[in-house]
């Protein structure tokens, strides 16, 4: 099962990523590795699986 996350690239190069009510900062290398988003992307949304959500740092409940 996949979930939709949204993201925007901060001026520092890190990504601000949102999932449900959670908002986290993710380093670019980790974000690009777990989402396959183009390095040129500055904002958008992408579907990721549960494992990717956990790898990015989101807290997943049952």
PDB file of N, CA and C in Angstrom:
ATOM      1  N   UNK A   1       0.833  -1.178   0.000  1.00  0.00           N
ATOM      2  CA  UNK A   1       0.000   0.000   0.000  1.00  0.00           C
ATOM      3  C   UNK A   1       0.879   1.243   0.000  1.00  0.00           C
ATOM      4  N   UNK A   2       0.498   2.240  -0.760  1.00  0.00           N
ATOM      5  CA  UNK A   2       1.289   3.464  -0.832  1.00  0.00           C
ATOM      6  C   UNK A   2       0.551   4.626  -0.178  1.00  0.00           C
ATOM      7  N   UNK A   3       1.324   5.639   0.187  1.00  0.00           N
ATOM      8  CA  UNK A   3       0.779   6.848   0.788  1.00  0.00           C
ATOM      9  C   UNK A   3       1.339   8.053   0.052  1.00  0.00           C
ATOM     10  N   UNK A   4       0.567   9.111   0.012  1.00  0.00           N
ATOM     11  CA  UNK A   4       0.973  10.329  -0.663  1.00  0.00           C
ATOM     12  C   UNK A   4       1.644  11.273   0.323  1.00  0.00           C
ATOM     13  N   UNK A   5       2.837  11.748  -0.035  1.00  0.00           N
ATOM     14  CA  UNK A   5       3.523  12.763   0.755  1.00  0.00           C
ATOM     15  C   UNK A   5       3.719  13.989  -0.128  1.00  0.00           C
ATOM     16  N   UNK A   6       3.812  15.140   0.496  1.00  0.00           N
ATOM     17  CA  UNK A   6       4.122  16.355  -0.259  1.00  0.00           C
ATOM     18  C   UNK A   6       5.475  16.864   0.213  1.00  0.00           C
ATOM     19  N   UNK A   7       6.138  17.612  -0.653  1.00  0.00           N
ATOM     20  CA  UNK A   7       7.468  18.102  -0.315  1.00  0.00           C
ATOM     21  C   UNK A   7       7.725  19.451  -0.946  1.00  0.00           C
ATOM     22  N   UNK A   8       8.641  20.176  -0.323  1.00  0.00           N
ATOM     23  CA  UNK A   8       9.168  21.395  -0.920  1.00  0.00           C
ATOM     24  C   UNK A   8      10.626  21.518  -0.514  1.00  0.00           C
ATOM     25  N   UNK A   9      11.422  22.021  -1.415  1.00  0.00           N
ATOM     26  CA  UNK A   9      12.845  22.160  -1.145  1.00  0.00           C
ATOM     27  C   UNK A   9      13.082  23.495  -0.451  1.00  0.00           C
ATOM     28  N   UNK A  10      13.719  23.442   0.689  1.00  0.00           N
ATOM     29  CA  UNK A  10      14.053  24.626   1.472  1.00  0.00           C
ATOM     30  C   UNK A  10      15.292  25.271   0.859  1.00  0.00           C
ATOM     31  N   UNK A  11      15.502  26.559   1.105  1.00  0.00           N
ATOM     32  CA  UNK A  11      16.669  27.239   0.533  1.00  0.00           C
ATOM     33  C   UNK A  11      17.996  26.642   1.012  1.00  0.00           C
ATOM     34  N   UNK A  12      17.978  25.889   2.114  1.00  0.00           N
ATOM     35  CA  UNK A  12      19.195  25.232   2.606  1.00  0.00           C
ATOM     36  C   UNK A  12      19.537  23.975   1.807  1.00  0.00           C
ATOM     37  N   UNK A  13      18.582  23.522   0.961  1.00  0.00           N
ATOM     38  CA  UNK A  13      18.793  22.301   0.197  1.00  0.00           C
ATOM     39  C   UNK A  13      18.071  21.101   0.782  1.00  0.00           C
ATOM     40  N   UNK A  14      17.694  21.183   2.060  1.00  0.00           N
ATOM     41  CA  UNK A  14      16.925  20.110   2.691  1.00  0.00           C
ATOM     42  C   UNK A  14      15.486  20.139   2.185  1.00  0.00           C
ATOM     43  N   UNK A  15      14.771  19.056   2.421  1.00  0.00           N
ATOM     44  CA  UNK A  15      13.381  18.977   1.997  1.00  0.00           C
ATOM     45  C   UNK A  15      12.458  19.035   3.203  1.00  0.00           C
ATOM     46  N   UNK A  16      11.406  19.830   3.094  1.00  0.00           N
ATOM     47  CA  UNK A  16      10.334  19.858   4.082  1.00  0.00           C
ATOM     48  C   UNK A  16       9.279  18.907   3.547  1.00  0.00           C
ATOM     49  N   UNK A  17       9.002  17.847   4.308  1.00  0.00           N
ATOM     50  CA  UNK A  17       8.133  16.775   3.827  1.00  0.00           C
ATOM     51  C   UNK A  17       6.946  16.633   4.776  1.00  0.00           C
ATOM     52  N   UNK A  18       5.751  16.496   4.205  1.00  0.00           N
ATOM     53  CA  UNK A  18       4.528  16.377   4.987  1.00  0.00           C
ATOM     54  C   UNK A  18       3.812  15.066   4.685  1.00  0.00           C
ATOM     55  N   UNK A  19       3.343  14.445   5.760  1.00  0.00           N
ATOM     56  CA  UNK A  19       2.519  13.239   5.658  1.00  0.00           C
ATOM     57  C   UNK A  19       1.479  13.313   6.753  1.00  0.00           C
ATOM     58  N   UNK A  20       0.217  13.348   6.351  1.00  0.00           N
ATOM     59  CA  UNK A  20      -0.894  13.544   7.288  1.00  0.00           C
ATOM     60  C   UNK A  20      -0.625  14.803   8.102  1.00  0.00           C
ATOM     61  N   UNK A  21      -0.544  14.702   9.428  1.00  0.00           N
ATOM     62  CA  UNK A  21      -0.309  15.889  10.259  1.00  0.00           C
ATOM     63  C   UNK A  21       1.158  16.064  10.634  1.00  0.00           C
ATOM     64  N   UNK A  22       2.027  15.212  10.093  1.00  0.00           N
ATOM     65  CA  UNK A  22       3.439  15.289  10.416  1.00  0.00           C
ATOM     66  C   UNK A  22       4.185  16.136   9.380  1.00  0.00           C
ATOM     67  N   UNK A  23       5.162  16.875   9.854  1.00  0.00           N
ATOM     68  CA  UNK A  23       6.000  17.706   8.984  1.00  0.00           C
ATOM     69  C   UNK A  23       7.439  17.528   9.467  1.00  0.00           C
ATOM     70  N   UNK A  24       8.320  17.053   8.590  1.00  0.00           N
ATOM     71  CA  UNK A  24       9.699  16.786   8.980  1.00  0.00           C
ATOM     72  C   UNK A  24      10.666  17.402   7.971  1.00  0.00           C
ATOM     73  N   UNK A  25      11.894  17.571   8.400  1.00  0.00           N
ATOM     74  CA  UNK A  25      12.980  18.023   7.531  1.00  0.00           C
ATOM     75  C   UNK A  25      13.813  16.793   7.187  1.00  0.00           C
ATOM     76  N   UNK A  26      14.068  16.593   5.889  1.00  0.00           N
ATOM     77  CA  UNK A  26      14.822  15.421   5.442  1.00  0.00           C
ATOM     78  C   UNK A  26      16.009  15.896   4.607  1.00  0.00           C
ATOM     79  N   UNK A  27      17.167  15.328   4.882  1.00  0.00           N
ATOM     80  CA  UNK A  27      18.353  15.653   4.086  1.00  0.00           C
ATOM     81  C   UNK A  27      18.142  15.228   2.644  1.00  0.00           C
ATOM     82  N   UNK A  28      18.720  15.987   1.696  1.00  0.00           N
ATOM     83  CA  UNK A  28      18.469  15.705   0.279  1.00  0.00           C
ATOM     84  C   UNK A  28      18.840  14.289  -0.156  1.00  0.00           C
ATOM     85  N   UNK A  29      19.966  13.779   0.305  1.00  0.00           N
ATOM     86  CA  UNK A  29      20.382  12.436  -0.100  1.00  0.00           C
ATOM     87  C   UNK A  29      19.380  11.369   0.298  1.00  0.00           C
ATOM     88  N   UNK A  30      18.889  11.448   1.515  1.00  0.00           N
ATOM     89  CA  UNK A  30      17.911  10.475   2.005  1.00  0.00           C
ATOM     90  C   UNK A  30      16.583  10.630   1.271  1.00  0.00           C
ATOM     91  N   UNK A  31      16.149  11.868   1.073  1.00  0.00           N
ATOM     92  CA  UNK A  31      14.873  12.093   0.400  1.00  0.00           C
ATOM     93  C   UNK A  31      14.912  11.552  -1.021  1.00  0.00           C
ATOM     94  N   UNK A  32      15.942  11.868  -1.757  1.00  0.00           N
ATOM     95  CA  UNK A  32      16.032  11.419  -3.151  1.00  0.00           C
ATOM     96  C   UNK A  32      16.183   9.902  -3.241  1.00  0.00           C
ATOM     97  N   UNK A  33      16.910   9.310  -2.316  1.00  0.00           N
ATOM     98  CA  UNK A  33      17.115   7.855  -2.317  1.00  0.00           C
ATOM     99  C   UNK A  33      15.808   7.095  -2.108  1.00  0.00           C
ATOM    100  N   UNK A  34      14.974   7.574  -1.193  1.00  0.00           N
ATOM    101  CA  UNK A  34      13.768   6.833  -0.823  1.00  0.00           C
ATOM    102  C   UNK A  34      12.527   7.210  -1.630  1.00  0.00           C
ATOM    103  N   UNK A  35      12.619   8.248  -2.451  1.00  0.00           N
ATOM    104  CA  UNK A  35      11.448   8.663  -3.222  1.00  0.00           C
ATOM    105  C   UNK A  35      11.653   8.599  -4.727  1.00  0.00           C
ATOM    106  N   UNK A  36      12.862   8.537  -5.205  1.00  0.00           N
ATOM    107  CA  UNK A  36      13.174   8.566  -6.642  1.00  0.00           C
ATOM    108  C   UNK A  36      12.689   9.850  -7.314  1.00  0.00           C
ATOM    109  N   UNK A  37      12.567  10.924  -6.548  1.00  0.00           N
ATOM    110  CA  UNK A  37      12.205  12.226  -7.094  1.00  0.00           C
ATOM    111  C   UNK A  37      13.432  12.793  -7.821  1.00  0.00           C
ATOM    112  N   UNK A  38      13.208  13.523  -8.891  1.00  0.00           N
ATOM    113  CA  UNK A  38      14.294  14.148  -9.640  1.00  0.00           C
ATOM    114  C   UNK A  38      15.033  15.156  -8.756  1.00  0.00           C
ATOM    115  N   UNK A  39      16.353  15.196  -8.815  1.00  0.00           N
ATOM    116  CA  UNK A  39      17.114  16.175  -8.023  1.00  0.00           C
ATOM    117  C   UNK A  39      16.762  17.629  -8.365  1.00  0.00           C
ATOM    118  N   UNK A  40      16.200  17.866  -9.532  1.00  0.00           N
ATOM    119  CA  UNK A  40      15.827  19.223  -9.929  1.00  0.00           C
ATOM    120  C   UNK A  40      14.468  19.652  -9.364  1.00  0.00           C
ATOM    121  N   UNK A  41      13.700  18.723  -8.823  1.00  0.00           N
ATOM    122  CA  UNK A  41      12.367  19.043  -8.297  1.00  0.00           C
ATOM    123  C   UNK A  41      12.477  19.955  -7.084  1.00  0.00           C
ATOM    124  N   UNK A  42      11.595  20.945  -7.014  1.00  0.00           N
ATOM    125  CA  UNK A  42      11.597  21.865  -5.876  1.00  0.00           C
ATOM    126  C   UNK A  42      10.347  21.736  -5.012  1.00  0.00           C
ATOM    127  N   UNK A  43       9.278  21.197  -5.555  1.00  0.00           N
ATOM    128  CA  UNK A  43       8.070  20.958  -4.766  1.00  0.00           C
ATOM    129  C   UNK A  43       7.171  19.985  -5.514  1.00  0.00           C
ATOM    130  N   UNK A  44       6.272  19.372  -4.767  1.00  0.00           N
ATOM    131  CA  UNK A  44       5.350  18.440  -5.398  1.00  0.00           C
ATOM    132  C   UNK A  44       4.856  17.403  -4.424  1.00  0.00           C
ATOM    133  N   UNK A  45       4.384  16.312  -4.983  1.00  0.00           N
ATOM    134  CA  UNK A  45       3.925  15.192  -4.166  1.00  0.00           C
ATOM    135  C   UNK A  45       4.322  13.897  -4.856  1.00  0.00           C
ATOM    136  N   UNK A  46       4.431  12.860  -4.057  1.00  0.00           N
ATOM    137  CA  UNK A  46       4.870  11.566  -4.572  1.00  0.00           C
ATOM    138  C   UNK A  46       4.286  10.468  -3.692  1.00  0.00           C
ATOM    139  N   UNK A  47       3.999   9.325  -4.293  1.00  0.00           N
ATOM    140  CA  UNK A  47       3.526   8.177  -3.531  1.00  0.00           C
ATOM    141  C   UNK A  47       4.731   7.339  -3.092  1.00  0.00           C
ATOM    142  N   UNK A  48       4.714   6.941  -1.825  1.00  0.00           N
ATOM    143  CA  UNK A  48       5.772   6.100  -1.276  1.00  0.00           C
ATOM    144  C   UNK A  48       5.140   4.964  -0.491  1.00  0.00           C
ATOM    145  N   UNK A  49       5.890   3.883  -0.325  1.00  0.00           N
ATOM    146  CA  UNK A  49       5.372   2.767   0.461  1.00  0.00           C
ATOM    147  C   UNK A  49       5.684   2.972   1.945  1.00  0.00           C
ATOM    148  N   UNK A  50       5.150   2.088   2.748  1.00  0.00           N
ATOM    149  CA  UNK A  50       5.292   2.187   4.208  1.00  0.00           C
ATOM    150  C   UNK A  50       6.765   2.171   4.638  1.00  0.00           C
ATOM    151  N   UNK A  51       7.551   1.348   4.002  1.00  0.00           N
ATOM    152  CA  UNK A  51       8.974   1.275   4.348  1.00  0.00           C
ATOM    153  C   UNK A  51       9.671   2.609   4.095  1.00  0.00           C
ATOM    154  N   UNK A  52       9.369   3.238   2.963  1.00  0.00           N
ATOM    155  CA  UNK A  52       9.973   4.538   2.653  1.00  0.00           C
ATOM    156  C   UNK A  52       9.550   5.590   3.678  1.00  0.00           C
ATOM    157  N   UNK A  53       8.296   5.551   4.105  1.00  0.00           N
ATOM    158  CA  UNK A  53       7.839   6.490   5.134  1.00  0.00           C
ATOM    159  C   UNK A  53       8.689   6.352   6.398  1.00  0.00           C
ATOM    160  N   UNK A  54       8.924   5.127   6.803  1.00  0.00           N
ATOM    161  CA  UNK A  54       9.724   4.883   7.997  1.00  0.00           C
ATOM    162  C   UNK A  54      11.175   5.306   7.784  1.00  0.00           C
ATOM    163  N   UNK A  55      11.725   5.009   6.626  1.00  0.00           N
ATOM    164  CA  UNK A  55      13.110   5.379   6.341  1.00  0.00           C
ATOM    165  C   UNK A  55      13.303   6.903   6.325  1.00  0.00           C
ATOM    166  N   UNK A  56      12.283   7.621   5.889  1.00  0.00           N
ATOM    167  CA  UNK A  56      12.360   9.083   5.871  1.00  0.00           C
ATOM    168  C   UNK A  56      12.277   9.657   7.273  1.00  0.00           C
ATOM    169  N   UNK A  57      11.651   8.935   8.205  1.00  0.00           N
ATOM    170  CA  UNK A  57      11.580   9.387   9.593  1.00  0.00           C
ATOM    171  C   UNK A  57      10.195   9.646  10.111  1.00  0.00           C
ATOM    172  N   UNK A  58       9.168   9.292   9.356  1.00  0.00           N
ATOM    173  CA  UNK A  58       7.810   9.483   9.831  1.00  0.00           C
ATOM    174  C   UNK A  58       7.456   8.427  10.853  1.00  0.00           C
ATOM    175  N   UNK A  59       6.594   8.794  11.802  1.00  0.00           N
ATOM    176  CA  UNK A  59       6.094   7.867  12.809  1.00  0.00           C
ATOM    177  C   UNK A  59       4.832   7.230  12.245  1.00  0.00           C
ATOM    178  N   UNK A  60       4.866   5.925  12.113  1.00  0.00           N
ATOM    179  CA  UNK A  60       3.746   5.177  11.534  1.00  0.00           C
ATOM    180  C   UNK A  60       3.034   4.410  12.645  1.00  0.00           C
ATOM    181  N   UNK A  61       1.728   4.614  12.738  1.00  0.00           N
ATOM    182  CA  UNK A  61       0.941   3.868  13.721  1.00  0.00           C
ATOM    183  C   UNK A  61       0.084   2.860  12.977  1.00  0.00           C
ATOM    184  N   UNK A  62      -0.407   1.883  13.690  1.00  0.00           N
ATOM    185  CA  UNK A  62      -1.217   0.815  13.104  1.00  0.00           C
ATOM    186  C   UNK A  62      -2.177   1.383  12.133  1.00  0.00           C
TER     187      UNK A  62
END
